[in-house]
Amino acid sequence: MTEAGADGFVRRVGWMRLFRTERERDTRFAEAERWHREFGINHRALDARALQELEPHLAPVLVGALHWTDPISVSDPQGLALAYLRRFQALGGVFLQGNATSLGAQGKGWRMKTANGPLAAAEAVVALGPWADALTRPLGYDFPLAVKRGYHMHYRAAGEARLNHPVLDTERGYFLGPLARGIRLTTGAEFALRDAPRTPVQLARAEPIARELFPLAERLDTEAWMGSRPCTPDMLPIIGRAPRHANLWFAFGHAHHGLTLGPVTGRLVAEMVAGEKPFVDPAPYAAERFRLKGDK
C-alpha cells in the first residue's frame, strides 16, 4: 500500500464484535483469551461503559464488545485497487480487457483475444474468482468451486452521528463499517448459484435492526451491491501450476478473503512462475488436492 501511495485508505483501529447477551459475550471473551495465548492475537475486552465511550452513537442496548486491535480496515476498496493499478502501470504493466474464455494454447504458450487485438504470452494465470470455472471446465478441470453471495448498501449517518470502528452485531448477523462512501451495511452469506437472480432478503431484514443500533439516514445506493465469494470445500484457495497444462497457473477460490489474500497470492504466483523459492509452502493450495475429471 505504501509503495502504491495508498496509505490514506488504511484505518488502523481494528474492529469490534458487539454483544447483546452476557452469555455470548463471556463465551467470546474466553475464546479470545485462548487465541491470545496460543496465537498472540491481541484484543480488548470492553464492558458496556467502555464500549459506549468508544462508540457513543451506538444505542445503549449492548452488554460489551470484543475489540480486535490488530487488524486494519480499508475505507475505499475501489480506490485501493486503482492505486495498485496505477503502480502496476508505472512499473511497465499494461491493462487490457478481453474475453478470458478465449484463452487457448499457442505453441508452448498461450493466446487470447482482447479489445486491442490478440495477446500472446509464454505463461498465463487464471485469476477469475467465482468465474474461474468458465475457463477451467472447458480445459478439463472440474473443481468443487461454489459461491457464497453477499449484499451491501451504503447509508448516510444521521445528524452528527459517527461510527469509529467496523462493528459486527454478533447475535443479529450483520456488519456495519465506516467507509468513504458512507456507512456500509453488509449481510451474512447467501447460498445460491452464482448467476441466480438477486435476492437481497437478508439486507431487508437487517436494515431495520441496524437502524435501531446506529442512526442511519437515507440509502446512498440505488440498488444493493451483490458479490459472489468463490469457495472450495476446505475453504483454501487453489494456487499453483495447472496439473495438465504447461505454463498455466491457477489463483482463485479465496472465499471471503480476496482483499487480504490478493497481494500475497500475487507474490506467491510470481515467485513460482519465475522459478524462485516461494516465501510460503504452496503445497496446501495445489489443485491436485481435488480429484480431477478422469482421475481414478
Protein backbone atom coordinates (compact mmCIF):
# COMPACT_ATOMS: atom_id res chain seq x y z
CA MET A 1 0.00 0.00 0.00
CA THR A 2 2.81 2.39 0.83
CA GLU A 3 4.56 1.69 -2.47
CA ALA A 4 1.30 2.39 -4.31
CA GLY A 5 0.69 5.62 -2.38
CA ALA A 6 -2.45 4.16 -0.85
CA ASP A 7 -1.80 4.62 2.87
CA GLY A 8 -4.63 7.14 3.00
CA PHE A 9 -7.14 4.32 2.52
CA VAL A 10 -5.98 2.48 5.67
CA ARG A 11 -7.59 2.75 9.09
CA ARG A 12 -5.60 1.13 11.92
CA VAL A 13 -8.34 0.92 14.53
CA GLY A 14 -9.20 -2.78 14.47
CA TRP A 15 -12.82 -3.93 14.56
CA MET A 16 -15.39 -4.85 17.19
CA ARG A 17 -17.66 -7.80 17.85
CA LEU A 18 -20.71 -6.45 19.70
CA PHE A 19 -22.76 -8.46 22.19
CA ARG A 20 -26.38 -8.24 23.31
CA THR A 21 -26.22 -11.09 25.85
CA GLU A 22 -23.80 -11.82 28.66
CA ARG A 23 -23.64 -15.48 27.69
CA GLU A 24 -22.35 -14.75 24.19
CA ARG A 25 -20.03 -12.04 25.50
CA ASP A 26 -18.40 -14.26 28.12
CA THR A 27 -18.03 -17.18 25.68
CA ARG A 28 -16.27 -14.96 23.13
CA PHE A 29 -14.10 -13.31 25.78
CA ALA A 30 -12.83 -16.74 26.89
CA GLU A 31 -12.23 -17.74 23.29
CA ALA A 32 -10.24 -14.54 22.66
CA GLU A 33 -8.06 -15.19 25.70
CA ARG A 34 -7.25 -18.65 24.38
CA TRP A 35 -6.41 -17.26 20.93
CA HIS A 36 -4.13 -14.69 22.52
CA ARG A 37 -2.26 -17.36 24.48
CA GLU A 38 -1.95 -19.76 21.54
CA PHE A 39 -1.52 -17.39 18.60
CA GLY A 40 -0.67 -13.96 20.01
CA ILE A 41 -3.84 -12.31 18.68
CA ASN A 42 -4.39 -9.07 20.59
CA HIS A 43 -7.73 -7.84 21.83
CA ARG A 44 -9.51 -5.72 24.41
CA ALA A 45 -12.50 -6.93 26.39
CA LEU A 46 -14.91 -4.00 26.72
CA ASP A 47 -17.80 -3.75 29.13
CA ALA A 48 -20.89 -1.69 28.25
CA ARG A 49 -19.44 1.53 29.66
CA ALA A 50 -16.09 1.23 27.88
CA LEU A 51 -17.88 0.45 24.63
CA GLN A 52 -20.14 3.48 25.00
CA GLU A 53 -17.10 5.72 25.44
CA LEU A 54 -15.55 4.46 22.19
CA GLU A 55 -18.81 4.34 20.23
CA PRO A 56 -21.15 6.90 21.79
CA HIS A 57 -23.66 6.79 18.93
CA LEU A 58 -24.49 3.11 19.30
CA ALA A 59 -27.76 2.52 21.14
CA PRO A 60 -27.23 1.51 24.80
CA VAL A 61 -28.59 -2.00 24.31
CA LEU A 62 -25.24 -3.80 24.33
CA VAL A 63 -23.51 -5.57 27.21
CA GLY A 64 -20.00 -5.23 25.84
CA ALA A 65 -17.71 -5.84 22.89
CA LEU A 66 -14.60 -7.68 21.85
CA HIS A 67 -12.20 -5.24 20.22
CA TRP A 68 -9.71 -6.95 17.90
CA THR A 69 -6.98 -4.32 17.91
CA ASP A 70 -4.50 -5.63 15.31
CA PRO A 71 -6.50 -5.66 12.04
CA ILE A 72 -6.57 -2.73 9.66
CA SER A 73 -9.54 -1.79 7.50
CA VAL A 74 -9.83 -0.06 4.15
CA SER A 75 -12.03 2.99 3.68
CA ASP A 76 -12.26 2.72 -0.11
CA PRO A 77 -11.60 -0.72 -1.66
CA GLN A 78 -12.01 0.59 -5.20
CA GLY A 79 -9.61 3.45 -4.52
CA LEU A 80 -7.08 0.94 -3.21
CA ALA A 81 -7.46 -1.29 -6.29
CA LEU A 82 -6.99 1.69 -8.62
CA ALA A 83 -3.88 2.74 -6.69
CA TYR A 84 -2.47 -0.76 -7.23
CA LEU A 85 -3.30 -0.49 -10.93
CA ARG A 86 -1.50 2.85 -11.25
CA ARG A 87 1.56 1.39 -9.55
CA PHE A 88 1.43 -1.66 -11.85
CA GLN A 89 1.32 0.60 -14.90
CA ALA A 90 4.14 2.78 -13.58
CA LEU A 91 6.29 -0.36 -13.38
CA GLY A 92 5.57 -1.11 -17.06
CA GLY A 93 2.45 -3.22 -16.74
CA VAL A 94 -0.29 -2.97 -19.36
CA PHE A 95 -4.00 -3.24 -18.54
CA LEU A 96 -6.12 -4.81 -21.29
CA GLN A 97 -9.69 -6.06 -21.35
CA GLY A 98 -10.82 -9.11 -23.25
CA ASN A 99 -12.73 -12.38 -23.16
CA ALA A 100 -10.94 -14.71 -20.76
CA THR A 101 -12.71 -17.75 -22.19
CA SER A 102 -10.91 -17.13 -25.48
CA LEU A 103 -7.66 -18.25 -23.83
CA GLY A 104 -6.09 -21.09 -25.79
CA ALA A 105 -2.77 -22.79 -26.30
CA GLN A 106 -0.43 -21.37 -28.93
CA GLY A 107 2.79 -23.31 -29.35
CA LYS A 108 4.36 -23.57 -25.91
CA GLY A 109 2.48 -20.52 -24.66
CA TRP A 110 -0.98 -19.01 -24.62
CA ARG A 111 -3.07 -16.60 -26.68
CA MET A 112 -6.31 -14.73 -26.03
CA LYS A 113 -8.46 -12.05 -27.63
CA THR A 114 -8.51 -8.52 -26.18
CA ALA A 115 -10.12 -5.25 -27.17
CA ASN A 116 -6.70 -4.23 -28.53
CA GLY A 117 -6.22 -7.38 -30.58
CA PRO A 118 -4.72 -10.78 -29.81
CA LEU A 119 -2.36 -11.12 -26.87
CA ALA A 120 0.29 -13.85 -26.68
CA ALA A 121 2.38 -14.83 -23.66
CA ALA A 122 4.61 -17.66 -22.53
CA GLU A 123 2.71 -18.01 -19.22
CA ALA A 124 -0.92 -17.39 -18.19
CA VAL A 125 -2.53 -17.08 -14.77
CA VAL A 126 -6.22 -17.79 -14.24
CA ALA A 127 -7.39 -15.40 -11.51
CA LEU A 128 -11.10 -15.12 -12.29
CA GLY A 129 -12.61 -15.59 -8.83
CA PRO A 130 -16.15 -17.00 -8.99
CA TRP A 131 -15.99 -17.11 -12.80
CA ALA A 132 -12.88 -19.33 -12.89
CA ASP A 133 -14.83 -22.43 -13.88
CA ALA A 134 -15.98 -20.75 -17.10
CA LEU A 135 -12.40 -21.23 -18.26
CA THR A 136 -11.18 -24.23 -16.28
CA ARG A 137 -14.07 -26.56 -17.14
CA PRO A 138 -13.50 -26.37 -20.92
CA LEU A 139 -9.85 -27.17 -20.18
CA GLY A 140 -10.90 -30.38 -18.43
CA TYR A 141 -10.85 -29.32 -14.76
CA ASP A 142 -13.90 -29.93 -12.57
CA PHE A 143 -13.05 -28.23 -9.30
CA PRO A 144 -15.64 -28.18 -6.47
CA LEU A 145 -15.97 -24.41 -6.65
CA ALA A 146 -19.13 -22.87 -5.22
CA VAL A 147 -20.05 -19.33 -4.16
CA LYS A 148 -21.30 -17.59 -1.07
CA ARG A 149 -23.15 -14.47 -2.14
CA GLY A 150 -23.33 -11.34 -0.02
CA TYR A 151 -25.01 -7.95 -0.26
CA HIS A 152 -24.24 -4.46 0.96
CA MET A 153 -25.74 -1.00 0.98
CA HIS A 154 -24.33 2.42 1.96
CA TYR A 155 -26.11 4.95 4.16
CA ARG A 156 -25.52 8.49 5.32
CA ALA A 157 -25.06 8.75 9.07
CA ALA A 158 -27.90 10.80 10.54
CA GLY A 159 -27.07 14.19 12.01
CA GLU A 160 -23.65 14.30 13.66
CA ALA A 161 -23.52 10.55 14.32
CA ARG A 162 -20.19 8.87 13.78
CA LEU A 163 -19.11 5.24 13.71
CA ASN A 164 -15.46 4.97 14.76
CA HIS A 165 -14.87 1.23 14.19
CA PRO A 166 -16.21 -1.51 11.94
CA VAL A 167 -18.66 -3.47 14.11
CA LEU A 168 -20.32 -6.87 13.93
CA ASP A 169 -23.70 -7.25 15.62
CA THR A 170 -22.93 -10.81 16.68
CA GLU A 171 -26.36 -12.10 17.64
CA ARG A 172 -28.12 -10.41 14.70
CA GLY A 173 -25.65 -11.37 11.98
CA TYR A 174 -24.81 -8.19 10.08
CA PHE A 175 -21.84 -5.83 9.87
CA LEU A 176 -21.55 -2.03 9.84
CA GLY A 177 -18.39 -0.35 8.57
CA PRO A 178 -17.43 3.31 8.17
CA LEU A 179 -16.26 3.81 4.58
CA ALA A 180 -15.51 6.82 2.44
CA ARG A 181 -18.87 6.42 0.66
CA GLY A 182 -20.85 6.16 3.89
CA ILE A 183 -21.80 3.58 6.49
CA ARG A 184 -21.77 0.17 4.80
CA LEU A 185 -24.25 -2.46 5.97
CA THR A 186 -23.28 -5.99 4.91
CA THR A 187 -25.18 -9.25 5.22
CA GLY A 188 -24.25 -12.79 6.03
CA ALA A 189 -23.69 -15.41 3.34
CA GLU A 190 -26.36 -16.46 0.87
CA PHE A 191 -26.00 -19.94 -0.62
CA ALA A 192 -27.15 -19.70 -4.21
CA LEU A 193 -25.93 -20.34 -7.72
CA ARG A 194 -23.52 -17.69 -8.95
CA ASP A 195 -25.81 -16.44 -11.73
CA ALA A 196 -29.15 -16.83 -9.93
CA PRO A 197 -31.33 -13.71 -9.62
CA ARG A 198 -30.52 -11.39 -6.75
CA THR A 199 -32.49 -11.94 -3.56
CA PRO A 200 -31.40 -9.30 -1.01
CA VAL A 201 -33.73 -10.66 1.68
CA GLN A 202 -31.05 -10.57 4.38
CA LEU A 203 -30.37 -6.91 3.69
CA ALA A 204 -34.05 -6.02 4.01
CA ARG A 205 -34.24 -7.86 7.33
CA ALA A 206 -31.00 -6.43 8.74
CA GLU A 207 -31.64 -2.79 7.86
CA PRO A 208 -34.35 -2.04 10.47
CA ILE A 209 -32.32 -3.79 13.16
CA ALA A 210 -29.22 -1.81 12.20
CA ARG A 211 -31.21 1.44 12.29
CA GLU A 212 -32.17 0.69 15.90
CA LEU A 213 -28.50 0.22 16.81
CA PHE A 214 -26.98 3.15 14.88
CA PRO A 215 -28.70 6.23 13.40
CA LEU A 216 -28.64 5.51 9.68
CA ALA A 217 -30.19 8.11 7.37
CA GLU A 218 -31.08 7.58 3.70
CA ARG A 219 -29.67 4.93 1.39
CA LEU A 220 -26.86 6.17 -0.86
CA ASP A 221 -27.05 3.40 -3.49
CA THR A 222 -29.86 2.95 -6.00
CA GLU A 223 -29.73 -0.82 -5.51
CA ALA A 224 -27.92 -3.25 -3.27
CA TRP A 225 -24.46 -4.38 -4.36
CA MET A 226 -24.05 -8.14 -4.62
CA GLY A 227 -20.80 -10.09 -4.68
CA SER A 228 -20.04 -13.79 -5.11
CA ARG A 229 -17.25 -15.23 -2.97
CA PRO A 230 -15.64 -18.29 -4.60
CA CYS A 231 -15.26 -21.11 -2.08
CA THR A 232 -13.77 -24.60 -2.05
CA PRO A 233 -14.79 -27.37 0.40
CA ASP A 234 -11.70 -26.82 2.57
CA MET A 235 -12.01 -23.00 2.34
CA LEU A 236 -8.49 -22.71 0.92
CA PRO A 237 -7.74 -21.14 -2.46
CA ILE A 238 -6.42 -23.03 -5.47
CA ILE A 239 -2.97 -21.62 -6.18
CA GLY A 240 -0.23 -23.12 -8.30
CA ARG A 241 0.59 -24.83 -11.58
CA ALA A 242 -2.23 -26.35 -13.63
CA PRO A 243 -1.68 -30.14 -13.40
CA ARG A 244 -2.40 -30.88 -17.07
CA HIS A 245 -1.17 -27.78 -18.89
CA ALA A 246 2.32 -26.40 -19.21
CA ASN A 247 2.83 -22.73 -18.37
CA LEU A 248 -0.69 -22.31 -16.94
CA TRP A 249 -1.26 -21.25 -13.34
CA PHE A 250 -4.28 -21.01 -11.05
CA ALA A 251 -5.04 -18.35 -8.42
CA PHE A 252 -8.70 -18.36 -7.36
CA GLY A 253 -11.08 -19.57 -4.65
CA HIS A 254 -10.20 -17.10 -1.88
CA ALA A 255 -13.71 -17.11 -0.37
CA HIS A 256 -14.27 -14.06 1.84
CA HIS A 257 -10.59 -13.08 1.95
CA GLY A 258 -9.77 -11.79 -1.53
CA LEU A 259 -8.83 -8.26 -0.47
CA THR A 260 -6.50 -9.60 2.21
CA LEU A 261 -5.00 -12.50 0.27
CA GLY A 262 -4.81 -10.90 -3.19
CA PRO A 263 -1.39 -9.24 -2.73
CA VAL A 264 0.28 -12.27 -1.12
CA THR A 265 -1.24 -14.55 -3.76
CA GLY A 266 0.25 -12.32 -6.44
CA ARG A 267 3.63 -12.59 -4.78
CA LEU A 268 3.41 -16.37 -4.41
CA VAL A 269 2.36 -16.91 -8.04
CA ALA A 270 5.05 -14.55 -9.33
CA GLU A 271 7.73 -16.43 -7.40
CA MET A 272 6.55 -19.78 -8.71
CA VAL A 273 6.28 -18.58 -12.32
CA ALA A 274 9.77 -17.04 -12.11
CA GLY A 275 11.23 -20.22 -10.61
CA GLU A 276 12.15 -18.53 -7.34
CA LYS A 277 11.80 -20.08 -3.91
CA PRO A 278 8.26 -19.33 -2.68
CA PHE A 279 8.07 -17.33 0.53
CA VAL A 280 5.49 -19.82 1.84
CA ASP A 281 4.93 -23.51 1.11
CA PRO A 282 2.41 -23.62 -1.77
CA ALA A 283 1.59 -27.34 -1.33
CA PRO A 284 -1.63 -26.85 0.74
CA TYR A 285 -3.14 -24.80 -2.10
CA ALA A 286 -2.25 -27.11 -5.01
CA ALA A 287 -5.01 -28.11 -7.43
CA GLU A 288 -4.03 -31.76 -7.06
CA ARG A 289 -5.71 -31.95 -3.66
CA PHE A 290 -9.00 -32.31 -5.55
CA ARG A 291 -9.78 -35.23 -7.82
CA LEU A 292 -9.78 -34.12 -11.44
CA LYS A 293 -12.08 -35.34 -14.15
CA GLY A 294 -10.78 -38.65 -15.49
CA ASP A 295 -8.71 -39.42 -12.39
CA LYS A 296 -9.03 -42.88 -10.87
